[in-house]
Structure formats: structure tokens, C-alpha cells
Amino acid sequence: MAEYLAAPVANDWGFFVGRYLGFCAVFIPIAQGGQKRLTW
């Protein structure tokens, strides 16, 4: 039973972490580019 409950949670966390890392990979360079534009 615990394995049955843990598997979807692990999948959700993997999905969430993957989305978070993907978001950071896209957002951080954009944010840094925006900061560079503001400082220039």
C-alpha cells in the first residue's frame, strides 16, 4: 500500500522538479538579460 501511494508522489515530485528546473533554465537568463538592459 505504501509503495502504491509513494509511486504517484515520486512521479509528481519528479514532474514538479523537472518543471522547476526548466523554468529556472528559461527564466534566469531572461531576468539577467532584463537587468543588463536596465543597467545599460
Protein backbone atom coordinates (compact mmCIF):
# COMPACT_ATOMS: atom_id res chain seq x y z
CA MET A 1 0.00 0.00 0.00
CA ALA A 2 2.78 2.44 0.86
CA GLU A 3 4.51 1.71 -2.44
CA TYR A 4 1.22 2.28 -4.26
CA LEU A 5 0.88 5.70 -2.61
CA ALA A 6 4.56 6.61 -2.90
CA ALA A 7 4.88 5.95 -6.65
CA PRO A 8 2.49 8.73 -7.80
CA VAL A 9 4.01 11.13 -5.28
CA ALA A 10 7.52 10.39 -6.57
CA ASN A 11 6.28 10.92 -10.12
CA ASP A 12 4.64 14.21 -9.13
CA TRP A 13 7.84 15.40 -7.43
CA GLY A 14 9.90 14.40 -10.46
CA PHE A 15 7.48 16.30 -12.68
CA PHE A 16 7.49 19.30 -10.36
CA VAL A 17 11.29 19.39 -10.07
CA GLY A 18 11.61 19.00 -13.83
CA ARG A 19 9.20 21.88 -14.41
CA TYR A 20 11.01 23.99 -11.80
CA LEU A 21 14.44 23.36 -13.32
CA GLY A 22 13.06 24.03 -16.79
CA PHE A 23 11.50 27.27 -15.54
CA CYS A 24 14.79 28.35 -13.94
CA ALA A 25 16.74 27.48 -17.09
CA VAL A 26 14.41 29.75 -19.10
CA PHE A 27 13.61 32.48 -16.59
CA ILE A 28 17.04 33.20 -15.05
CA PRO A 29 18.75 34.19 -18.35
CA ILE A 30 15.73 36.36 -19.23
CA ALA A 31 15.85 38.02 -15.81
CA GLN A 32 19.59 38.59 -16.10
CA GLY A 33 19.13 39.98 -19.61
CA GLY A 34 16.47 42.34 -18.27
CA GLN A 35 18.78 43.50 -15.50
CA LYS A 36 21.53 44.15 -18.04
CA ARG A 37 19.11 46.18 -20.15
CA LEU A 38 18.04 48.19 -17.11
CA THR A 39 21.63 48.90 -16.05
CA TRP A 40 22.57 49.97 -19.56
